PDB file of N, CA and C in Angstrom:
ATOM      1  N   MET A   1       0.949  -1.193   0.006  1.00  0.00           N
ATOM      2  CA  MET A   1      -0.121  -0.061  -0.144  1.00  0.00           C
ATOM      3  C   MET A   1       0.913   1.029  -0.008  1.00  0.00           C
ATOM      4  N   HIS A   2       0.299   2.376  -0.697  1.00  0.00           N
ATOM      5  CA  HIS A   2       1.115   3.604  -0.635  1.00  0.00           C
ATOM      6  C   HIS A   2       0.498   4.500  -0.023  1.00  0.00           C
ATOM      7  N   SER A   3       1.053   5.680   0.403  1.00  0.00           N
ATOM      8  CA  SER A   3       0.452   6.774   0.985  1.00  0.00           C
ATOM      9  C   SER A   3       0.846   8.168   0.359  1.00  0.00           C
ATOM     10  N   ILE A   4      -0.069   9.014  -0.038  1.00  0.00           N
ATOM     11  CA  ILE A   4       0.478  10.375  -0.564  1.00  0.00           C
ATOM     12  C   ILE A   4      -0.277  11.416   0.295  1.00  0.00           C
ATOM     13  N   ARG A   5       0.023  12.651   0.247  1.00  0.00           N
ATOM     14  CA  ARG A   5      -0.312  13.749   0.718  1.00  0.00           C
ATOM     15  C   ARG A   5      -0.792  14.659  -0.288  1.00  0.00           C
ATOM     16  N   LEU A   6      -2.148  15.227  -0.077  1.00  0.00           N
ATOM     17  CA  LEU A   6      -2.922  16.134  -0.992  1.00  0.00           C
ATOM     18  C   LEU A   6      -3.099  17.274  -0.184  1.00  0.00           C
ATOM     19  N   ASP A   7      -2.732  18.344  -1.144  1.00  0.00           N
ATOM     20  CA  ASP A   7      -3.115  19.758  -0.587  1.00  0.00           C
ATOM     21  C   ASP A   7      -4.470  20.089  -1.472  1.00  0.00           C
ATOM     22  N   ILE A   8      -5.745  20.124  -0.965  1.00  0.00           N
ATOM     23  CA  ILE A   8      -6.895  20.171  -1.650  1.00  0.00           C
ATOM     24  C   ILE A   8      -7.330  21.366  -1.600  1.00  0.00           C
ATOM     25  N   GLN A   9      -7.569  22.266  -2.544  1.00  0.00           N
ATOM     26  CA  GLN A   9      -8.659  23.782  -2.580  1.00  0.00           C
ATOM     27  C   GLN A   9      -9.910  23.187  -1.984  1.00  0.00           C
ATOM     28  N   ASP A  10     -10.686  24.098  -1.167  1.00  0.00           N
ATOM     29  CA  ASP A  10     -11.882  23.748  -0.848  1.00  0.00           C
ATOM     30  C   ASP A  10     -12.753  23.669  -1.603  1.00  0.00           C
ATOM     31  N   ASN A  11     -12.837  24.267  -2.822  1.00  0.00           N
ATOM     32  CA  ASN A  11     -13.760  24.312  -3.768  1.00  0.00           C
ATOM     33  C   ASN A  11     -13.740  22.956  -4.692  1.00  0.00           C
ATOM     34  N   VAL A  12     -12.776  22.085  -4.548  1.00  0.00           N
ATOM     35  CA  VAL A  12     -12.685  20.601  -5.246  1.00  0.00           C
ATOM     36  C   VAL A  12     -12.749  19.580  -3.996  1.00  0.00           C
ATOM     37  N   PHE A  13     -12.657  19.654  -3.207  1.00  0.00           N
ATOM     38  CA  PHE A  13     -12.374  18.716  -1.910  1.00  0.00           C
ATOM     39  C   PHE A  13     -13.538  17.814  -1.979  1.00  0.00           C
ATOM     40  N   ASP A  14     -14.709  18.315  -1.993  1.00  0.00           N
ATOM     41  CA  ASP A  14     -16.111  17.160  -2.068  1.00  0.00           C
ATOM     42  C   ASP A  14     -16.190  16.515  -3.032  1.00  0.00           C
ATOM     43  N   LYS A  15     -15.641  16.911  -4.374  1.00  0.00           N
ATOM     44  CA  LYS A  15     -15.335  16.219  -5.598  1.00  0.00           C
ATOM     45  C   LYS A  15     -14.209  15.016  -5.344  1.00  0.00           C
ATOM     46  N   VAL A  16     -13.252  15.343  -4.722  1.00  0.00           N
ATOM     47  CA  VAL A  16     -12.203  14.369  -4.599  1.00  0.00           C
ATOM     48  C   VAL A  16     -12.519  13.426  -3.850  1.00  0.00           C
ATOM     49  N   ILE A  17     -13.068  13.796  -2.433  1.00  0.00           N
ATOM     50  CA  ILE A  17     -13.700  12.904  -1.526  1.00  0.00           C
ATOM     51  C   ILE A  17     -14.627  11.886  -2.212  1.00  0.00           C
ATOM     52  N   TYR A  18     -15.752  12.348  -2.772  1.00  0.00           N
ATOM     53  CA  TYR A  18     -16.711  11.662  -3.634  1.00  0.00           C
ATOM     54  C   TYR A  18     -15.986  10.550  -4.503  1.00  0.00           C
ATOM     55  N   PHE A  19     -15.065  10.876  -5.323  1.00  0.00           N
ATOM     56  CA  PHE A  19     -14.335  10.139  -6.055  1.00  0.00           C
ATOM     57  C   PHE A  19     -13.475   8.858  -5.432  1.00  0.00           C
ATOM     58  N   LEU A  20     -12.872   9.341  -4.159  1.00  0.00           N
ATOM     59  CA  LEU A  20     -12.197   8.351  -3.491  1.00  0.00           C
ATOM     60  C   LEU A  20     -12.984   7.415  -2.836  1.00  0.00           C
ATOM     61  N   ASN A  21     -14.006   7.960  -2.135  1.00  0.00           N
ATOM     62  CA  ASN A  21     -15.327   7.317  -1.483  1.00  0.00           C
ATOM     63  C   ASN A  21     -15.855   5.858  -2.425  1.00  0.00           C
ATOM     64  N   ASN A  22     -15.902   6.187  -3.665  1.00  0.00           N
ATOM     65  CA  ASN A  22     -16.506   5.315  -4.851  1.00  0.00           C
ATOM     66  C   ASN A  22     -15.253   4.143  -5.194  1.00  0.00           C
ATOM     67  N   LEU A  23     -14.154   4.300  -4.866  1.00  0.00           N
ATOM     68  CA  LEU A  23     -13.126   3.272  -5.041  1.00  0.00           C
ATOM     69  C   LEU A  23     -13.377   2.125  -3.813  1.00  0.00           C
ATOM     70  N   PRO A  24     -13.008   0.851  -4.501  1.00  0.00           N
ATOM     71  CA  PRO A  24     -13.050  -0.328  -3.593  1.00  0.00           C
ATOM     72  C   PRO A  24     -12.635   0.171  -2.366  1.00  0.00           C
ATOM     73  N   LYS A  25     -13.343  -0.214  -1.225  1.00  0.00           N
ATOM     74  CA  LYS A  25     -12.967  -0.063   0.402  1.00  0.00           C
ATOM     75  C   LYS A  25     -12.048  -0.640   0.920  1.00  0.00           C
ATOM     76  N   ASN A  26     -11.915  -1.795   0.379  1.00  0.00           N
ATOM     77  CA  ASN A  26     -10.568  -2.737   0.860  1.00  0.00           C
ATOM     78  C   ASN A  26      -9.266  -2.249   0.171  1.00  0.00           C
ATOM     79  N   ASP A  27      -9.318  -1.374  -0.887  1.00  0.00           N
ATOM     80  CA  ASP A  27      -8.197  -1.059  -1.608  1.00  0.00           C
ATOM     81  C   ASP A  27      -7.745   0.275  -1.092  1.00  0.00           C
ATOM     82  N   VAL A  28      -8.590   1.173  -0.977  1.00  0.00           N
ATOM     83  CA  VAL A  28      -8.214   2.599  -0.394  1.00  0.00           C
ATOM     84  C   VAL A  28      -9.063   2.900   0.899  1.00  0.00           C
ATOM     85  N   LYS A  29      -7.895   3.598   1.657  1.00  0.00           N
ATOM     86  CA  LYS A  29      -8.292   3.951   3.139  1.00  0.00           C
ATOM     87  C   LYS A  29      -8.230   5.459   3.039  1.00  0.00           C
ATOM     88  N   ILE A  30      -9.158   6.272   3.409  1.00  0.00           N
ATOM     89  CA  ILE A  30      -9.156   7.716   3.321  1.00  0.00           C
ATOM     90  C   ILE A  30      -8.693   8.171   4.898  1.00  0.00           C
ATOM     91  N   ILE A  31      -7.802   8.870   4.839  1.00  0.00           N
ATOM     92  CA  ILE A  31      -7.356   9.228   6.406  1.00  0.00           C
ATOM     93  C   ILE A  31      -7.389  10.960   6.264  1.00  0.00           C
ATOM     94  N   GLU A  32      -8.122  11.635   6.747  1.00  0.00           N
ATOM     95  CA  GLU A  32      -8.433  13.203   6.768  1.00  0.00           C
ATOM     96  C   GLU A  32      -7.473  13.548   7.710  1.00  0.00           C
ATOM     97  N   ASN A  33      -6.699  14.523   7.406  1.00  0.00           N
ATOM     98  CA  ASN A  33      -5.944  15.332   8.437  1.00  0.00           C
ATOM     99  C   ASN A  33      -6.389  16.912   8.322  1.00  0.00           C
ATOM    100  N   ASN A  34      -7.074  17.051   9.635  1.00  0.00           N
ATOM    101  CA  ASN A  34      -7.713  18.091   9.793  1.00  0.00           C
ATOM    102  C   ASN A  34      -6.924  19.150  10.424  1.00  0.00           C
ATOM    103  N   PHE A  35      -5.371  18.930  10.704  1.00  0.00           N
ATOM    104  CA  PHE A  35      -4.303  19.837  11.505  1.00  0.00           C
ATOM    105  C   PHE A  35      -4.340  21.010  10.372  1.00  0.00           C
ATOM    106  N   ILE A  36      -4.461  22.340  11.133  1.00  0.00           N
ATOM    107  CA  ILE A  36      -4.092  23.587  10.428  1.00  0.00           C
ATOM    108  C   ILE A  36      -2.807  24.091  11.027  1.00  0.00           C
ATOM    109  N   GLU A  37      -2.213  24.520  10.208  1.00  0.00           N
ATOM    110  CA  GLU A  37      -0.895  25.229  10.883  1.00  0.00           C
ATOM    111  C   GLU A  37      -1.381  26.617  10.869  1.00  0.00           C
ATOM    112  N   GLU A  38      -0.827  27.295  12.017  1.00  0.00           N
ATOM    113  CA  GLU A  38      -1.274  28.697  12.252  1.00  0.00           C
ATOM    114  C   GLU A  38      -0.101  29.427  11.498  1.00  0.00           C
ATOM    115  N   ASP A  39      -0.332  29.608  10.400  1.00  0.00           N
ATOM    116  CA  ASP A  39       0.768  30.296   9.795  1.00  0.00           C
ATOM    117  C   ASP A  39       0.104  31.588   9.195  1.00  0.00           C
ATOM    118  N   TRP A  40       0.336  32.825   9.903  1.00  0.00           N
ATOM    119  CA  TRP A  40      -0.231  33.953   9.491  1.00  0.00           C
ATOM    120  C   TRP A  40       0.509  34.760   8.587  1.00  0.00           C
ATOM    121  N   SER A  41       1.493  34.139   8.005  1.00  0.00           N
ATOM    122  CA  SER A  41       2.482  34.901   7.406  1.00  0.00           C
ATOM    123  C   SER A  41       1.685  35.543   5.827  1.00  0.00           C
ATOM    124  N   HIS A  42       0.669  34.775   5.542  1.00  0.00           N
ATOM    125  CA  HIS A  42      -0.083  34.899   4.384  1.00  0.00           C
ATOM    126  C   HIS A  42      -0.999  36.407   4.359  1.00  0.00           C
ATOM    127  N   LEU A  43      -1.132  36.587   5.687  1.00  0.00           N
ATOM    128  CA  LEU A  43      -2.240  37.780   6.116  1.00  0.00           C
ATOM    129  C   LEU A  43      -1.397  39.199   5.968  1.00  0.00           C
ATOM    130  N   GLU A  44       0.040  39.013   5.827  1.00  0.00           N
ATOM    131  CA  GLU A  44       0.807  40.225   6.103  1.00  0.00           C
ATOM    132  C   GLU A  44       0.465  41.184   5.100  1.00  0.00           C
ATOM    133  N   SER A  45       0.116  40.701   3.821  1.00  0.00           N
ATOM    134  CA  SER A  45      -0.152  41.737   2.873  1.00  0.00           C
ATOM    135  C   SER A  45      -1.139  42.213   2.761  1.00  0.00           C
ATOM    136  N   GLU A  46      -2.343  41.626   3.552  1.00  0.00           N
ATOM    137  CA  GLU A  46      -3.746  42.130   3.736  1.00  0.00           C
ATOM    138  C   GLU A  46      -3.567  43.357   4.966  1.00  0.00           C
ATOM    139  N   ILE A  47      -3.033  42.975   5.773  1.00  0.00           N
ATOM    140  CA  ILE A  47      -2.825  44.051   6.899  1.00  0.00           C
ATOM    141  C   ILE A  47      -2.033  45.188   6.439  1.00  0.00           C
ATOM    142  N   ASP A  48      -1.261  45.207   5.580  1.00  0.00           N
ATOM    143  CA  ASP A  48      -0.419  46.203   5.049  1.00  0.00           C
ATOM    144  C   ASP A  48      -1.244  46.919   4.114  1.00  0.00           C
ATOM    145  N   LYS A  49      -2.407  46.277   3.056  1.00  0.00           N
ATOM    146  CA  LYS A  49      -3.113  46.895   2.555  1.00  0.00           C
ATOM    147  C   LYS A  49      -4.065  47.696   3.279  1.00  0.00           C
ATOM    148  N   GLY A  50      -4.460  47.169   4.504  1.00  0.00           N
ATOM    149  CA  GLY A  50      -5.532  47.774   5.085  1.00  0.00           C
ATOM    150  C   GLY A  50      -4.901  49.072   5.751  1.00  0.00           C
ATOM    151  N   LEU A  51      -3.654  48.901   6.448  1.00  0.00           N
ATOM    152  CA  LEU A  51      -3.197  49.767   7.061  1.00  0.00           C
ATOM    153  C   LEU A  51      -2.748  51.117   6.262  1.00  0.00           C
ATOM    154  N   SER A  52      -2.296  50.682   4.974  1.00  0.00           N
ATOM    155  CA  SER A  52      -1.642  51.910   4.107  1.00  0.00           C
ATOM    156  C   SER A  52      -3.115  52.728   3.323  1.00  0.00           C
ATOM    157  N   SER A  53      -4.172  51.812   3.222  1.00  0.00           N
ATOM    158  CA  SER A  53      -5.262  52.327   2.447  1.00  0.00           C
ATOM    159  C   SER A  53      -5.893  53.809   3.077  1.00  0.00           C
ATOM    160  N   GLY A  54      -5.725  54.027   4.142  1.00  0.00           N
ATOM    161  CA  GLY A  54      -6.084  55.451   4.768  1.00  0.00           C
ATOM    162  C   GLY A  54      -7.585  55.443   4.859  1.00  0.00           C
ATOM    163  N   ILE A  55      -8.215  54.258   4.842  1.00  0.00           N
ATOM    164  CA  ILE A  55      -9.839  54.562   4.699  1.00  0.00           C
ATOM    165  C   ILE A  55     -10.428  54.134   5.803  1.00  0.00           C
ATOM    166  N   SER A  56      -9.415  53.116   6.811  1.00  0.00           N
ATOM    167  CA  SER A  56      -9.944  52.688   8.005  1.00  0.00           C
ATOM    168  C   SER A  56      -9.496  53.503   9.211  1.00  0.00           C
ATOM    169  N   ASP A  57     -10.285  53.576  10.074  1.00  0.00           N
ATOM    170  CA  ASP A  57     -10.104  54.171  11.185  1.00  0.00           C
ATOM    171  C   ASP A  57      -9.859  53.088  12.388  1.00  0.00           C
ATOM    172  N   LYS A  58      -9.840  51.816  12.284  1.00  0.00           N
ATOM    173  CA  LYS A  58      -9.851  50.712  13.042  1.00  0.00           C
ATOM    174  C   LYS A  58      -8.425  50.753  13.548  1.00  0.00           C
ATOM    175  N   SER A  59      -8.113  50.253  14.790  1.00  0.00           N
ATOM    176  CA  SER A  59      -6.873  50.065  15.355  1.00  0.00           C
ATOM    177  C   SER A  59      -6.202  48.630  14.602  1.00  0.00           C
ATOM    178  N   HIS A  60      -5.161  48.441  14.848  1.00  0.00           N
ATOM    179  CA  HIS A  60      -4.257  47.584  14.471  1.00  0.00           C
ATOM    180  C   HIS A  60      -4.757  46.121  14.678  1.00  0.00           C
ATOM    181  N   GLU A  61      -5.155  46.010  16.053  1.00  0.00           N
ATOM    182  CA  GLU A  61      -5.953  44.899  16.806  1.00  0.00           C
ATOM    183  C   GLU A  61      -7.161  44.781  16.253  1.00  0.00           C
ATOM    184  N   GLU A  62      -8.292  45.458  15.828  1.00  0.00           N
ATOM    185  CA  GLU A  62      -9.435  45.228  15.422  1.00  0.00           C
ATOM    186  C   GLU A  62      -9.154  44.648  13.753  1.00  0.00           C
ATOM    187  N   ILE A  63      -8.120  45.382  13.428  1.00  0.00           N
ATOM    188  CA  ILE A  63      -8.119  44.765  11.882  1.00  0.00           C
ATOM    189  C   ILE A  63      -7.458  43.290  11.640  1.00  0.00           C
ATOM    190  N   ILE A  64      -6.273  42.929  12.643  1.00  0.00           N
ATOM    191  CA  ILE A  64      -5.889  41.760  12.876  1.00  0.00           C
ATOM    192  C   ILE A  64      -7.045  40.691  13.259  1.00  0.00           C
ATOM    193  N   ASN A  65      -7.796  41.232  14.109  1.00  0.00           N
ATOM    194  CA  ASN A  65      -9.140  40.079  14.652  1.00  0.00           C
ATOM    195  C   ASN A  65     -10.166  40.052  13.419  1.00  0.00           C
ATOM    196  N   HIS A  66     -10.367  41.168  12.555  1.00  0.00           N
ATOM    197  CA  HIS A  66     -11.285  41.036  11.557  1.00  0.00           C
ATOM    198  C   HIS A  66     -10.716  40.041  10.457  1.00  0.00           C
ATOM    199  N   ILE A  67      -9.440  40.130  10.359  1.00  0.00           N
ATOM    200  CA  ILE A  67      -8.812  39.167   9.183  1.00  0.00           C
ATOM    201  C   ILE A  67      -8.833  37.886   9.755  1.00  0.00           C
ATOM    202  N   LYS A  68      -8.459  37.661  11.084  1.00  0.00           N
ATOM    203  CA  LYS A  68      -8.331  36.295  11.816  1.00  0.00           C
ATOM    204  C   LYS A  68      -9.882  35.593  11.455  1.00  0.00           C
ATOM    205  N   ARG A  69     -11.024  36.281  11.769  1.00  0.00           N
ATOM    206  CA  ARG A  69     -12.162  35.894  11.597  1.00  0.00           C
ATOM    207  C   ARG A  69     -12.535  35.330  10.340  1.00  0.00           C
ATOM    208  N   LYS A  70     -12.054  36.366   8.989  1.00  0.00           N
ATOM    209  CA  LYS A  70     -12.246  36.049   8.066  1.00  0.00           C
ATOM    210  C   LYS A  70     -11.718  34.652   7.274  1.00  0.00           C
ATOM    211  N   TYR A  71     -10.492  34.551   8.006  1.00  0.00           N
ATOM    212  CA  TYR A  71      -9.597  33.444   6.991  1.00  0.00           C
ATOM    213  C   TYR A  71      -9.553  32.246   8.010  1.00  0.00           C
ATOM    214  N   VAL A  72     -10.033  32.037   9.126  1.00  0.00           N
ATOM    215  CA  VAL A  72      -9.887  31.095  10.001  1.00  0.00           C
ATOM    216  C   VAL A  72     -11.005  30.247  10.378  1.00  0.00           C
TER     217      VAL A  72
END
């Protein structure tokens, strides 16, 4: 038996799982890893855009909390 790791976008995840679930059960075992790494580095550009836009009067902490709610 072989193992692979797939990073699947949310918009196709259900289709991939549907396909895998229709393969013979004794040949395929699905083990979903729900672990999410807390890597906020991808949010830096969002924060910079918000802070430099000049249209927000929110504090830095309010902006961070809003972005975390949006992406987590």
